[in-house]
């Protein structure tokens, strides 16, 4: 399961029931959306009815992909072609022209419950030969003829507590299981995700002990919880999270939260990320505001509707106006206050752009902030880049210690980060969020390009308070 929902570049469809031998076909997700809509509804229906149905169809498919529903059960596909289990897909069929056009517009949009991040399991049926608790396809025609908008049609069936996510990032979705088994001593975000899931599962299976702190560090309490989980679900109780244990944890987590259900418990933002700093509004200040301003200014390069703001850590009228512009751009309530939904949309849009940039070292040009704060225990390509940038800077500023570029954020890397933050006049937290990354990247670029004017002076602005 990806940390946050994305639109897959492709989707693999099994042309039959799950347990029946049949061909798998992998096609672009946009083509899949157009095929399902052409197979299930009529192109002569009112456009608002077609749009409402396509939102439901897209959300249903994305729920299957996001939860890895079939892959956690050992299958090698994302969804089936049969309505007994999923949606009606006809391999190779002709696509209606207006359906194709609407699919191109809507394929990166989906429904979610307010306060949850996962695509809604948007159950639906034709409403004539089959009825269900979700959307009735034929009744959408009646509602559209009465003047209902697509959103109003959806709220008629799914309730008022739904949002339409628009322009979601498109990525090549890969299997979520970590490449290296997680065991005692491991420290990274995969460990944190497993800890959060195990703690939620333990609510239903209380013999699984709670993990005191879900900090991404695989300690003895995490090992005890993993081992007991394995015992409960018939796995080898070795206390190690390999691929089988990872997907079993995910499968049970999906089940206890009913994520493949119209009325699921839902996944909250805090369950997948620690980035949300709390409410930011007029008068707020500090690192959280600096990060907010960084995200807004970066997005301003890609959205004409979002203005750049000074990155000064002070939430003034200029920042408030920019936040309102962000909220208008992403269809959020416009109040100039950064709550959880506004922060999430900023993160989603930012990471959607950054993730299109190759995550390898680019000579002489530091990559932008990856969207996830780097701290003790992180283990990723972003950490490796951070270490490379710091080592290069340390050649000019020897007060920054050299680090071994392993991709693991250990105490030595934290020491180097703190030294840089002290040098640059940034609060020395030892955590690399947007502000610190931006300062490191800017100094690295300037030094690499030979624009240092003299030893000890940073080109463009002085380092230090």
Protein backbone atom coordinates (compact mmCIF):
# COMPACT_ATOMS: atom_id res chain seq x y z
CA UNK A 1 0.00 0.00 0.00
CA UNK A 2 1.58 3.33 -1.02
CA UNK A 3 1.98 5.85 1.80
CA UNK A 4 -0.43 8.24 0.07
CA UNK A 5 -2.84 7.59 -2.83
CA UNK A 6 -1.55 8.14 -6.35
CA UNK A 7 -2.85 7.40 -9.82
CA UNK A 8 -1.03 4.36 -11.23
CA UNK A 9 0.49 4.72 -14.66
CA UNK A 10 -0.82 1.23 -15.47
CA UNK A 11 -3.19 -1.34 -13.98
CA UNK A 12 -3.10 -5.13 -14.40
CA UNK A 13 -6.50 -6.75 -15.03
CA UNK A 14 -7.22 -10.46 -14.61
CA UNK A 15 -9.68 -11.48 -17.35
CA UNK A 16 -11.80 -13.70 -15.15
CA UNK A 17 -12.67 -14.50 -11.52
CA UNK A 18 -9.67 -14.34 -9.11
CA UNK A 19 -9.14 -18.10 -8.76
CA UNK A 20 -9.82 -18.95 -12.40
CA UNK A 21 -6.93 -19.41 -14.82
CA UNK A 22 -7.11 -16.46 -17.22
CA UNK A 23 -4.92 -13.96 -19.00
CA UNK A 24 -3.64 -10.83 -17.25
CA UNK A 25 -3.44 -7.63 -19.28
CA UNK A 26 -1.57 -4.51 -18.22
CA UNK A 27 -2.84 -1.25 -19.71
CA UNK A 28 -2.60 2.49 -18.98
CA UNK A 29 -4.96 3.45 -16.16
CA UNK A 30 -6.63 6.05 -18.39
CA UNK A 31 -7.46 3.34 -20.94
CA UNK A 32 -8.84 1.14 -18.18
CA UNK A 33 -11.15 3.92 -16.98
CA UNK A 34 -12.43 4.53 -20.52
CA UNK A 35 -12.98 0.80 -21.08
CA UNK A 36 -14.97 0.25 -17.87
CA UNK A 37 -17.13 3.31 -18.48
CA UNK A 38 -17.81 2.23 -22.08
CA UNK A 39 -18.69 -1.27 -20.84
CA UNK A 40 -20.95 -0.30 -17.95
CA UNK A 41 -22.84 2.86 -18.93
CA UNK A 42 -24.32 4.42 -22.07
CA UNK A 43 -22.65 7.31 -23.92
CA UNK A 44 -26.08 8.85 -24.54
CA UNK A 45 -26.71 9.41 -20.82
CA UNK A 46 -26.63 13.01 -19.51
CA UNK A 47 -23.05 14.12 -19.04
CA UNK A 48 -23.50 14.73 -15.31
CA UNK A 49 -24.65 11.12 -14.88
CA UNK A 50 -21.66 9.85 -16.86
CA UNK A 51 -19.28 11.94 -14.77
CA UNK A 52 -20.76 10.73 -11.48
CA UNK A 53 -20.48 7.10 -12.61
CA UNK A 54 -16.89 7.58 -13.73
CA UNK A 55 -15.92 9.10 -10.37
CA UNK A 56 -17.32 5.98 -8.69
CA UNK A 57 -15.60 3.63 -11.14
CA UNK A 58 -12.24 5.36 -10.74
CA UNK A 59 -12.47 5.41 -6.93
CA UNK A 60 -13.40 1.72 -6.79
CA UNK A 61 -10.40 0.76 -8.93
CA UNK A 62 -8.01 3.03 -7.01
CA UNK A 63 -9.16 1.50 -3.73
CA UNK A 64 -8.15 -1.92 -5.07
CA UNK A 65 -4.75 -0.58 -6.16
CA UNK A 66 -4.09 1.49 -3.02
CA UNK A 67 -4.89 -1.34 -0.60
CA UNK A 68 -3.13 -3.91 -2.83
CA UNK A 69 -6.29 -5.97 -2.28
CA UNK A 70 -5.37 -8.85 -4.58
CA UNK A 71 -1.60 -8.62 -4.32
CA UNK A 72 -1.71 -9.00 -0.51
CA UNK A 73 -3.56 -12.27 -1.17
CA UNK A 74 -0.80 -13.63 -3.39
CA UNK A 75 -2.25 -12.74 -6.80
CA UNK A 76 -0.22 -11.03 -9.52
CA UNK A 77 -2.88 -8.56 -10.66
CA UNK A 78 -4.67 -5.45 -9.36
CA UNK A 79 -8.29 -6.10 -10.28
CA UNK A 80 -10.53 -8.57 -12.13
CA UNK A 81 -12.78 -8.03 -15.12
CA UNK A 82 -15.91 -9.57 -13.58
CA UNK A 83 -18.72 -7.65 -11.88
CA UNK A 84 -19.15 -10.44 -9.32
CA UNK A 85 -15.93 -9.13 -7.76
CA UNK A 86 -15.01 -5.83 -9.39
CA UNK A 87 -15.90 -3.92 -12.55
CA UNK A 88 -16.87 -4.91 -16.07
CA UNK A 89 -13.86 -4.73 -18.38
CA UNK A 90 -13.88 -6.00 -21.97
CA UNK A 91 -10.38 -6.43 -23.34
CA UNK A 92 -9.92 -4.81 -26.75
CA UNK A 93 -13.37 -3.26 -26.98
CA UNK A 94 -14.12 -0.03 -28.87
CA UNK A 95 -14.32 3.09 -26.72
CA UNK A 96 -17.03 5.72 -27.19
CA UNK A 97 -15.65 9.11 -28.22
CA UNK A 98 -17.27 11.19 -25.49
CA UNK A 99 -16.30 8.58 -22.89
CA UNK A 100 -12.68 8.71 -24.04
CA UNK A 101 -12.68 12.50 -23.75
CA UNK A 102 -14.16 12.46 -20.25
CA UNK A 103 -11.76 9.72 -19.15
CA UNK A 104 -8.84 11.95 -20.15
CA UNK A 105 -10.28 14.70 -17.96
CA UNK A 106 -11.31 12.62 -14.94
CA UNK A 107 -8.92 9.67 -14.63
CA UNK A 108 -6.76 11.44 -12.01
CA UNK A 109 -9.76 12.40 -9.84
CA UNK A 110 -11.36 10.28 -7.13
CA UNK A 111 -13.75 10.28 -4.16
CA UNK A 112 -12.67 10.03 -0.53
CA UNK A 113 -14.37 10.43 2.83
CA UNK A 114 -13.66 13.76 4.52
CA UNK A 115 -10.85 13.25 7.00
CA UNK A 116 -9.61 10.05 5.33
CA UNK A 117 -6.95 9.67 2.68
CA UNK A 118 -7.82 6.42 0.87
CA UNK A 119 -9.95 6.38 -2.30
CA UNK A 120 -13.53 5.50 -1.34
CA UNK A 121 -14.61 1.92 -1.98
CA UNK A 122 -17.37 3.39 -4.13
CA UNK A 123 -19.75 0.44 -4.34
CA UNK A 124 -22.33 0.69 -7.11
CA UNK A 125 -24.78 -1.42 -9.12
CA UNK A 126 -27.10 -0.95 -12.07
CA UNK A 127 -30.13 -0.38 -9.84
CA UNK A 128 -32.46 -2.54 -11.93
CA UNK A 129 -31.44 -6.20 -11.96
CA UNK A 130 -29.07 -5.65 -9.03
CA UNK A 131 -29.44 -3.28 -6.07
CA UNK A 132 -26.90 -2.34 -3.41
CA UNK A 133 -26.14 0.20 -0.69
CA UNK A 134 -24.09 2.41 -3.00
CA UNK A 135 -24.69 4.23 -6.25
CA UNK A 136 -27.52 3.16 -8.56
CA UNK A 137 -26.32 3.69 -12.13
CA UNK A 138 -29.74 4.10 -13.73
CA UNK A 139 -30.93 6.40 -10.97
CA UNK A 140 -28.03 8.74 -11.75
CA UNK A 141 -29.75 9.41 -15.06
CA UNK A 142 -32.95 10.48 -13.30
CA UNK A 143 -31.02 12.74 -10.95
CA UNK A 144 -29.01 14.30 -13.79
CA UNK A 145 -32.24 15.01 -15.68
CA UNK A 146 -33.50 16.78 -12.54
CA UNK A 147 -30.48 19.10 -12.67
CA UNK A 148 -28.21 17.44 -10.12
CA UNK A 149 -24.48 18.12 -10.52
CA UNK A 150 -22.03 15.17 -10.48
CA UNK A 151 -21.05 15.99 -6.88
CA UNK A 152 -24.69 16.25 -5.82
CA UNK A 153 -25.39 12.87 -7.42
CA UNK A 154 -22.50 11.34 -5.50
CA UNK A 155 -23.58 12.85 -2.17
CA UNK A 156 -27.12 11.54 -2.79
CA UNK A 157 -25.73 7.99 -2.68
CA UNK A 158 -22.57 8.25 -0.55
CA UNK A 159 -23.49 11.01 1.90
CA UNK A 160 -22.38 14.60 2.39
CA UNK A 161 -19.03 13.70 3.98
CA UNK A 162 -17.16 13.11 0.73
CA UNK A 163 -14.52 15.12 -1.11
CA UNK A 164 -13.50 15.04 -4.75
CA UNK A 165 -9.71 14.89 -5.06
CA UNK A 166 -8.59 16.45 -8.33
CA UNK A 167 -5.33 16.24 -10.28
CA UNK A 168 -3.84 13.51 -8.07
CA UNK A 169 -0.19 12.68 -8.82
CA UNK A 170 0.51 9.96 -11.38
CA UNK A 171 3.25 7.47 -10.54
CA UNK A 172 4.56 4.04 -11.39
CA UNK A 173 3.13 2.12 -8.43
CA UNK A 174 5.37 -0.67 -7.18
CA UNK A 175 4.94 -3.32 -4.50
CA UNK A 176 5.00 -1.80 -1.02
CA UNK A 177 6.88 -4.62 0.74
CA UNK A 178 10.39 -3.51 1.78
CA UNK A 179 13.20 -5.03 -0.27
CA UNK A 180 15.18 -5.91 2.87
CA UNK A 181 13.37 -7.70 5.74
CA UNK A 182 12.75 -5.53 8.79
CA UNK A 183 14.28 -6.85 11.99
CA UNK A 184 15.63 -5.79 15.40
CA UNK A 185 17.77 -2.67 14.95
CA UNK A 186 16.18 -1.51 11.67
CA UNK A 187 15.12 2.13 11.58
CA UNK A 188 13.11 3.63 8.72
CA UNK A 189 9.63 4.68 7.65
CA UNK A 190 8.63 1.11 6.70
CA UNK A 191 9.16 0.16 10.35
CA UNK A 192 6.96 3.06 11.44
CA UNK A 193 4.18 2.01 9.04
CA UNK A 194 4.32 -1.56 10.36
CA UNK A 195 4.22 -0.30 13.96
CA UNK A 196 1.14 1.83 13.31
CA UNK A 197 -0.65 -1.08 11.64
CA UNK A 198 0.25 -3.57 14.34
CA UNK A 199 -1.04 -1.24 17.04
CA UNK A 200 -4.35 -0.85 15.20
CA UNK A 201 -4.63 -4.62 14.66
CA UNK A 202 -4.03 -5.18 18.38
CA UNK A 203 -7.32 -3.39 19.12
CA UNK A 204 -9.08 -6.38 17.56
CA UNK A 205 -6.50 -8.96 18.64
CA UNK A 206 -5.49 -7.83 22.16
CA UNK A 207 -2.98 -10.64 22.65
CA UNK A 208 -0.71 -8.68 20.30
CA UNK A 209 1.19 -6.28 22.61
CA UNK A 210 1.11 -2.56 21.94
CA UNK A 211 4.25 -0.85 20.64
CA UNK A 212 4.88 2.07 22.98
CA UNK A 213 6.33 4.52 20.46
CA UNK A 214 5.72 4.31 16.69
CA UNK A 215 8.97 6.09 15.86
CA UNK A 216 10.28 3.88 13.06
CA UNK A 217 12.88 2.18 15.27
CA UNK A 218 12.60 -1.61 15.43
CA UNK A 219 13.15 -2.30 19.13
CA UNK A 220 12.37 -5.29 21.31
CA UNK A 221 8.75 -4.17 21.81
CA UNK A 222 8.25 -4.16 18.04
CA UNK A 223 9.89 -7.57 17.77
CA UNK A 224 7.55 -8.93 20.47
CA UNK A 225 4.50 -7.54 18.65
CA UNK A 226 5.64 -8.99 15.32
CA UNK A 227 6.34 -12.40 16.83
CA UNK A 228 2.92 -12.55 18.52
CA UNK A 229 1.22 -11.39 15.31
CA UNK A 230 2.95 -14.21 13.45
CA UNK A 231 1.79 -16.73 16.05
CA UNK A 232 -1.82 -15.52 15.85
CA UNK A 233 -1.92 -15.74 12.05
CA UNK A 234 -0.02 -18.96 11.54
CA UNK A 235 3.31 -17.59 10.33
CA UNK A 236 6.80 -18.59 11.39
CA UNK A 237 7.27 -16.62 14.66
CA UNK A 238 10.76 -15.26 13.99
CA UNK A 239 9.99 -11.62 14.83
CA UNK A 240 11.18 -10.51 11.36
CA UNK A 241 8.97 -8.68 8.86
CA UNK A 242 9.65 -10.30 5.50
CA UNK A 243 7.40 -10.06 2.45
CA UNK A 244 4.86 -12.63 3.72
CA UNK A 245 4.56 -11.03 7.16
CA UNK A 246 4.40 -7.52 5.64
CA UNK A 247 1.49 -8.42 3.37
CA UNK A 248 -0.28 -10.38 6.09
CA UNK A 249 -0.05 -7.34 8.37
CA UNK A 250 -1.42 -5.19 5.55
CA UNK A 251 -4.19 -7.66 4.75
CA UNK A 252 -5.36 -7.85 8.38
CA UNK A 253 -5.05 -4.06 8.76
CA UNK A 254 -7.28 -3.56 5.71
CA UNK A 255 -9.74 -6.03 7.18
CA UNK A 256 -10.04 -4.54 10.67
CA UNK A 257 -10.42 -1.04 9.23
CA UNK A 258 -12.87 -2.30 6.54
CA UNK A 259 -11.04 -0.32 3.85
CA UNK A 260 -12.72 -2.42 1.14
CA UNK A 261 -16.13 -1.42 2.47
CA UNK A 262 -18.37 1.53 1.63
CA UNK A 263 -18.48 2.54 5.31
CA UNK A 264 -14.86 1.94 6.28
CA UNK A 265 -13.07 3.29 9.33
CA UNK A 266 -10.74 5.10 6.96
CA UNK A 267 -7.04 5.97 7.16
CA UNK A 268 -6.23 9.32 8.75
CA UNK A 269 -3.32 11.45 7.61
CA UNK A 270 -1.49 10.99 10.91
CA UNK A 271 -1.47 7.22 10.33
CA UNK A 272 0.79 7.53 7.30
CA UNK A 273 2.83 10.66 7.91
CA UNK A 274 4.11 12.80 10.77
CA UNK A 275 4.47 15.86 8.60
CA UNK A 276 1.30 17.72 9.64
CA UNK A 277 2.49 20.35 12.16
CA UNK A 278 -0.92 21.42 13.48
CA UNK A 279 -3.08 24.39 12.51
CA UNK A 280 -1.20 27.37 11.03
CA UNK A 281 -2.90 30.74 10.71
CA UNK A 282 -2.33 34.50 10.78
CA UNK A 283 0.27 35.23 13.45
CA UNK A 284 1.89 31.77 13.45
CA UNK A 285 5.66 31.61 13.14
CA UNK A 286 8.57 29.19 13.18
CA UNK A 287 9.84 26.23 11.17
CA UNK A 288 6.38 24.94 10.29
CA UNK A 289 5.56 28.26 8.64
CA UNK A 290 8.93 28.25 6.85
CA UNK A 291 8.09 24.82 5.42
CA UNK A 292 4.60 25.99 4.44
CA UNK A 293 6.05 28.99 2.60
CA UNK A 294 8.60 26.76 0.88
CA UNK A 295 5.87 24.45 -0.46
CA UNK A 296 3.72 27.36 -1.63
CA UNK A 297 6.60 29.09 -3.39
CA UNK A 298 7.69 25.88 -5.09
CA UNK A 299 4.13 25.18 -6.33
CA UNK A 300 3.87 28.76 -7.62
CA UNK A 301 6.29 27.74 -10.38
CA UNK A 302 3.73 25.22 -11.67
CA UNK A 303 0.35 26.82 -10.83
CA UNK A 304 -0.42 30.28 -12.19
CA UNK A 305 -3.12 30.64 -9.54
CA UNK A 306 -0.67 30.31 -6.61
CA UNK A 307 1.64 33.27 -5.81
CA UNK A 308 5.13 32.95 -4.36
CA UNK A 309 5.65 34.24 -0.82
CA UNK A 310 8.67 35.37 1.21
CA UNK A 311 10.16 32.41 3.10
CA UNK A 312 10.60 34.22 6.39
CA UNK A 313 8.79 32.00 8.91
CA UNK A 314 6.14 34.63 9.65
CA UNK A 315 2.48 33.93 8.75
CA UNK A 316 1.40 37.40 7.68
CA UNK A 317 -1.23 38.74 5.30
CA UNK A 318 0.83 37.77 2.23
CA UNK A 319 1.04 34.16 3.37
CA UNK A 320 -2.64 34.13 4.29
CA UNK A 321 -3.58 35.36 0.80
CA UNK A 322 -1.36 32.67 -0.75
CA UNK A 323 -2.99 29.99 1.41
CA UNK A 324 -6.39 31.17 0.20
CA UNK A 325 -5.10 30.88 -3.39
CA UNK A 326 -3.96 27.31 -2.66
CA UNK A 327 -7.37 26.47 -1.24
CA UNK A 328 -9.16 27.89 -4.28
CA UNK A 329 -6.82 26.03 -6.63
CA UNK A 330 -7.51 22.67 -4.98
CA UNK A 331 -11.22 23.16 -4.35
CA UNK A 332 -10.98 23.52 -0.56
CA UNK A 333 -12.96 25.81 1.75
CA UNK A 334 -11.27 29.20 1.51
CA UNK A 335 -10.47 30.48 5.01
CA UNK A 336 -6.73 31.25 4.86
CA UNK A 337 -6.07 28.75 7.66
CA UNK A 338 -3.81 25.73 7.11
CA UNK A 339 -5.65 22.80 8.63
CA UNK A 340 -5.02 19.15 7.96
CA UNK A 341 -6.81 19.07 4.58
CA UNK A 342 -4.96 22.11 3.24
CA UNK A 343 -1.61 20.74 4.42
CA UNK A 344 -2.37 17.37 2.84
CA UNK A 345 -3.24 18.93 -0.54
CA UNK A 346 -0.04 20.98 -0.47
CA UNK A 347 1.97 17.83 0.26
CA UNK A 348 0.13 15.83 -2.40
CA UNK A 349 0.67 18.44 -5.10
CA UNK A 350 4.30 19.04 -4.13
CA UNK A 351 5.31 15.38 -3.97
CA UNK A 352 3.45 14.73 -7.22
CA UNK A 353 5.78 17.18 -8.96
CA UNK A 354 8.98 16.18 -7.16
CA UNK A 355 8.43 12.48 -7.76
CA UNK A 356 8.65 13.05 -11.52
CA UNK A 357 12.30 14.10 -11.07
CA UNK A 358 14.76 11.17 -11.26
CA UNK A 359 15.92 10.32 -7.75
CA UNK A 360 19.58 10.00 -8.63
CA UNK A 361 22.49 12.34 -8.12
CA UNK A 362 22.44 15.17 -10.66
CA UNK A 363 25.85 16.73 -11.16
CA UNK A 364 25.95 20.35 -10.06
CA UNK A 365 22.20 20.66 -9.41
CA UNK A 366 20.72 19.54 -6.10
CA UNK A 367 17.29 17.98 -6.30
CA UNK A 368 14.37 19.67 -4.52
CA UNK A 369 13.12 18.57 -1.13
CA UNK A 370 11.49 15.14 -1.34
CA UNK A 371 8.46 16.06 0.74
CA UNK A 372 9.24 13.88 3.78
CA UNK A 373 11.31 15.18 6.73
CA UNK A 374 14.56 13.26 7.17
CA UNK A 375 15.47 12.33 10.73
CA UNK A 376 17.27 9.69 12.79
CA UNK A 377 16.33 6.27 11.43
CA UNK A 378 15.46 7.35 7.88
CA UNK A 379 16.91 5.10 5.20
CA UNK A 380 16.41 6.24 1.60
CA UNK A 381 17.88 7.70 -1.57
CA UNK A 382 17.02 11.16 -0.24
CA UNK A 383 19.27 10.55 2.78
CA UNK A 384 22.08 9.45 0.45
CA UNK A 385 21.72 12.70 -1.51
CA UNK A 386 21.69 14.68 1.72
CA UNK A 387 24.93 13.04 2.82
CA UNK A 388 26.57 13.73 -0.55
CA UNK A 389 25.55 17.39 -0.43
CA UNK A 390 26.78 17.83 3.16
CA UNK A 391 30.12 16.18 2.36
CA UNK A 392 30.65 18.53 -0.56
CA UNK A 393 29.77 21.57 1.56
CA UNK A 394 32.12 20.32 4.31
CA UNK A 395 35.06 20.73 1.94
CA UNK A 396 34.56 24.50 2.24
CA UNK A 397 33.08 24.62 5.75
CA UNK A 398 35.17 22.20 7.87
CA UNK A 399 32.96 22.78 10.93
CA UNK A 400 30.54 20.39 9.23
CA UNK A 401 31.76 16.81 9.84
CA UNK A 402 32.11 14.41 6.92
CA UNK A 403 29.65 11.49 6.93
CA UNK A 404 29.72 8.05 5.37
CA UNK A 405 27.22 8.22 2.44
CA UNK A 406 25.25 5.06 3.15
CA UNK A 407 21.68 6.35 2.79
CA UNK A 408 21.05 5.72 6.48
CA UNK A 409 20.40 8.72 8.76
CA UNK A 410 22.41 7.91 11.87
CA UNK A 411 23.93 10.02 14.68
CA UNK A 412 26.85 11.18 12.51
CA UNK A 413 24.47 12.51 9.85
CA UNK A 414 22.41 14.21 12.55
CA UNK A 415 25.61 15.84 13.87
CA UNK A 416 26.41 17.15 10.37
CA UNK A 417 22.86 18.47 9.94
CA UNK A 418 23.00 20.29 13.28
CA UNK A 419 26.37 21.80 12.33
CA UNK A 420 24.93 23.05 9.04
CA UNK A 421 21.84 24.46 10.76
CA UNK A 422 24.03 26.35 13.24
CA UNK A 423 26.12 27.67 10.36
CA UNK A 424 23.04 28.80 8.40
CA UNK A 425 21.18 30.33 11.33
CA UNK A 426 18.46 27.66 11.30
CA UNK A 427 17.08 26.25 14.55
CA UNK A 428 19.35 23.21 15.15
CA UNK A 429 16.77 20.43 15.35
CA UNK A 430 18.81 17.80 13.52
CA UNK A 431 15.76 17.16 11.29
CA UNK A 432 15.91 18.03 7.59
CA UNK A 433 12.59 19.51 6.57
CA UNK A 434 11.93 21.79 3.60
CA UNK A 435 13.75 24.82 4.96
CA UNK A 436 16.97 23.02 5.86
CA UNK A 437 16.99 21.00 2.63
CA UNK A 438 16.48 24.17 0.59
CA UNK A 439 19.40 25.90 2.34
CA UNK A 440 21.67 22.87 1.86
CA UNK A 441 20.69 22.58 -1.81
CA UNK A 442 21.25 26.28 -2.46
CA UNK A 443 24.69 26.27 -0.86
CA UNK A 444 25.66 23.05 -2.62
CA UNK A 445 24.64 24.48 -6.00
CA UNK A 446 26.53 27.71 -5.41
CA UNK A 447 29.70 25.97 -4.25
CA UNK A 448 29.62 23.42 -7.05
CA UNK A 449 29.17 26.08 -9.69
CA UNK A 450 32.20 27.97 -8.41
CA UNK A 451 30.41 31.10 -7.25
CA UNK A 452 32.00 31.31 -3.81
CA UNK A 453 33.59 34.75 -3.57
CA UNK A 454 36.00 33.99 -0.75
CA UNK A 455 36.57 31.40 1.94
CA UNK A 456 33.94 31.48 4.66
CA UNK A 457 31.43 33.57 2.71
CA UNK A 458 28.27 32.11 1.23
CA UNK A 459 27.47 33.60 -2.22
CA UNK A 460 24.15 35.41 -2.25
CA UNK A 461 23.45 35.72 1.49
CA UNK A 462 25.46 35.46 4.69
CA UNK A 463 25.34 32.26 6.69
CA UNK A 464 24.42 32.53 10.32
CA UNK A 465 22.10 34.74 12.29
